[in-house]
Amino acid sequence: MNGLNTILIVLGLFLAGGVYSFQKQQMPKSVVVLLAIASAMCLAAGVLRIQGIWE
C-alpha cells in the first residue's frame, strides 16, 4: 500500500462524512449526490489500486 492509495481512501472517507453532514443540513440534493459520487469514486480507486487491478 503506497501513499496514493492511502490518500484516495482517506479522501473518500472524508467526502463520505461530508455527504452525511450535508444531508443533515438539508443541502440541495444535487450537491449531496455529487459529493456521494465523488466519495464512491475515490474509495473505489483506492481499493482497486490496493488490489493491483488498476495501476
N, C-alpha and C. Protein backbone atom coordinates (compact mmCIF):
# COMPACT_ATOMS: atom_id res chain seq x y z
N MET A 1 0.86 -1.18 0.00
CA MET A 1 0.00 0.00 0.00
C MET A 1 0.90 1.24 0.00
N ASN A 2 0.74 2.06 -1.01
CA ASN A 2 1.57 3.25 -1.07
C ASN A 2 0.77 4.50 -0.73
N GLY A 3 1.39 5.64 -0.85
CA GLY A 3 0.78 6.89 -0.43
C GLY A 3 -0.48 7.27 -1.18
N LEU A 4 -0.49 7.02 -2.50
CA LEU A 4 -1.66 7.41 -3.28
C LEU A 4 -2.89 6.62 -2.88
N ASN A 5 -2.71 5.33 -2.60
CA ASN A 5 -3.84 4.51 -2.14
C ASN A 5 -4.42 5.09 -0.85
N THR A 6 -3.54 5.42 0.06
CA THR A 6 -3.97 5.96 1.35
C THR A 6 -4.69 7.28 1.17
N ILE A 7 -4.16 8.14 0.33
CA ILE A 7 -4.79 9.44 0.08
C ILE A 7 -6.17 9.27 -0.53
N LEU A 8 -6.31 8.37 -1.50
CA LEU A 8 -7.61 8.15 -2.14
C LEU A 8 -8.64 7.63 -1.14
N ILE A 9 -8.23 6.70 -0.28
CA ILE A 9 -9.18 6.14 0.68
C ILE A 9 -9.55 7.17 1.74
N VAL A 10 -8.57 7.89 2.24
CA VAL A 10 -8.86 8.92 3.25
C VAL A 10 -9.75 10.01 2.65
N LEU A 11 -9.47 10.43 1.42
CA LEU A 11 -10.30 11.44 0.76
C LEU A 11 -11.73 10.92 0.57
N GLY A 12 -11.86 9.67 0.18
CA GLY A 12 -13.19 9.08 0.02
C GLY A 12 -13.97 9.05 1.32
N LEU A 13 -13.29 8.69 2.41
CA LEU A 13 -13.97 8.68 3.71
C LEU A 13 -14.32 10.09 4.17
N PHE A 14 -13.44 11.05 3.89
CA PHE A 14 -13.72 12.44 4.22
C PHE A 14 -14.95 12.94 3.46
N LEU A 15 -15.03 12.61 2.18
CA LEU A 15 -16.18 13.02 1.38
C LEU A 15 -17.46 12.31 1.84
N ALA A 16 -17.32 11.07 2.28
CA ALA A 16 -18.50 10.35 2.81
C ALA A 16 -19.03 11.04 4.06
N GLY A 17 -18.13 11.52 4.90
CA GLY A 17 -18.55 12.30 6.07
C GLY A 17 -19.24 13.58 5.66
N GLY A 18 -18.76 14.19 4.58
CA GLY A 18 -19.40 15.39 4.05
C GLY A 18 -20.81 15.12 3.55
N VAL A 19 -20.99 13.95 2.94
CA VAL A 19 -22.34 13.57 2.48
C VAL A 19 -23.29 13.51 3.66
N TYR A 20 -22.85 12.86 4.73
CA TYR A 20 -23.69 12.74 5.93
C TYR A 20 -24.01 14.13 6.50
N SER A 21 -22.99 14.97 6.59
CA SER A 21 -23.16 16.31 7.15
C SER A 21 -24.09 17.16 6.29
N PHE A 22 -23.87 17.13 4.98
CA PHE A 22 -24.71 17.93 4.08
C PHE A 22 -26.15 17.45 4.10
N GLN A 23 -26.35 16.12 4.22
CA GLN A 23 -27.70 15.58 4.28
C GLN A 23 -28.41 16.06 5.54
N LYS A 24 -27.70 16.09 6.67
CA LYS A 24 -28.30 16.55 7.92
C LYS A 24 -28.63 18.04 7.86
N GLN A 25 -27.83 18.82 7.11
CA GLN A 25 -28.08 20.25 6.97
C GLN A 25 -29.12 20.56 5.91
N GLN A 26 -29.63 19.51 5.28
CA GLN A 26 -30.65 19.62 4.23
C GLN A 26 -30.18 20.50 3.08
N MET A 27 -28.97 20.23 2.64
CA MET A 27 -28.43 20.92 1.47
C MET A 27 -29.17 20.40 0.23
N PRO A 28 -29.05 21.10 -0.89
CA PRO A 28 -29.72 20.62 -2.12
C PRO A 28 -29.27 19.21 -2.48
N LYS A 29 -30.21 18.43 -2.96
CA LYS A 29 -29.92 17.02 -3.27
C LYS A 29 -28.82 16.88 -4.32
N SER A 30 -28.74 17.81 -5.25
CA SER A 30 -27.72 17.71 -6.29
C SER A 30 -26.31 17.78 -5.69
N VAL A 31 -26.12 18.61 -4.67
CA VAL A 31 -24.82 18.72 -4.01
C VAL A 31 -24.50 17.42 -3.27
N VAL A 32 -25.48 16.87 -2.59
CA VAL A 32 -25.29 15.63 -1.84
C VAL A 32 -24.96 14.48 -2.79
N VAL A 33 -25.68 14.40 -3.91
CA VAL A 33 -25.43 13.33 -4.88
C VAL A 33 -24.04 13.47 -5.50
N LEU A 34 -23.65 14.68 -5.85
CA LEU A 34 -22.33 14.91 -6.42
C LEU A 34 -21.23 14.51 -5.45
N LEU A 35 -21.39 14.87 -4.20
CA LEU A 35 -20.41 14.51 -3.17
C LEU A 35 -20.38 12.99 -2.96
N ALA A 36 -21.54 12.35 -3.01
CA ALA A 36 -21.59 10.89 -2.84
C ALA A 36 -20.89 10.18 -3.99
N ILE A 37 -21.07 10.68 -5.19
CA ILE A 37 -20.41 10.08 -6.36
C ILE A 37 -18.90 10.25 -6.25
N ALA A 38 -18.45 11.44 -5.86
CA ALA A 38 -17.01 11.68 -5.71
C ALA A 38 -16.43 10.77 -4.63
N SER A 39 -17.15 10.59 -3.54
CA SER A 39 -16.69 9.72 -2.46
C SER A 39 -16.56 8.28 -2.95
N ALA A 40 -17.57 7.79 -3.65
CA ALA A 40 -17.55 6.42 -4.16
C ALA A 40 -16.40 6.22 -5.15
N MET A 41 -16.16 7.21 -5.99
CA MET A 41 -15.07 7.08 -6.97
C MET A 41 -13.71 7.02 -6.29
N CYS A 42 -13.49 7.86 -5.27
CA CYS A 42 -12.21 7.85 -4.56
C CYS A 42 -12.00 6.53 -3.82
N LEU A 43 -13.03 6.06 -3.15
CA LEU A 43 -12.91 4.80 -2.43
C LEU A 43 -12.67 3.63 -3.39
N ALA A 44 -13.40 3.60 -4.50
CA ALA A 44 -13.22 2.52 -5.47
C ALA A 44 -11.83 2.54 -6.07
N ALA A 45 -11.33 3.73 -6.42
CA ALA A 45 -9.99 3.83 -6.99
C ALA A 45 -8.94 3.39 -5.99
N GLY A 46 -9.08 3.76 -4.74
CA GLY A 46 -8.13 3.33 -3.71
C GLY A 46 -8.11 1.83 -3.53
N VAL A 47 -9.29 1.23 -3.48
CA VAL A 47 -9.38 -0.22 -3.30
C VAL A 47 -8.83 -0.95 -4.52
N LEU A 48 -9.16 -0.48 -5.72
CA LEU A 48 -8.67 -1.12 -6.93
C LEU A 48 -7.14 -1.04 -7.01
N ARG A 49 -6.58 0.07 -6.57
CA ARG A 49 -5.12 0.20 -6.58
C ARG A 49 -4.49 -0.74 -5.56
N ILE A 50 -5.13 -0.93 -4.41
CA ILE A 50 -4.61 -1.85 -3.41
C ILE A 50 -4.61 -3.29 -3.97
N GLN A 51 -5.68 -3.63 -4.66
CA GLN A 51 -5.80 -4.98 -5.22
C GLN A 51 -4.89 -5.20 -6.42
N GLY A 52 -4.31 -4.12 -6.96
CA GLY A 52 -3.43 -4.25 -8.11
C GLY A 52 -4.15 -4.34 -9.43
N ILE A 53 -5.46 -4.08 -9.42
CA ILE A 53 -6.26 -4.17 -10.65
C ILE A 53 -6.04 -2.94 -11.51
N TRP A 54 -5.90 -1.79 -10.88
CA TRP A 54 -5.75 -0.54 -11.61
C TRP A 54 -4.45 0.11 -11.15
N GLU A 55 -3.56 0.38 -12.09
CA GLU A 55 -2.27 0.94 -11.70
C GLU A 55 -2.11 2.31 -12.21
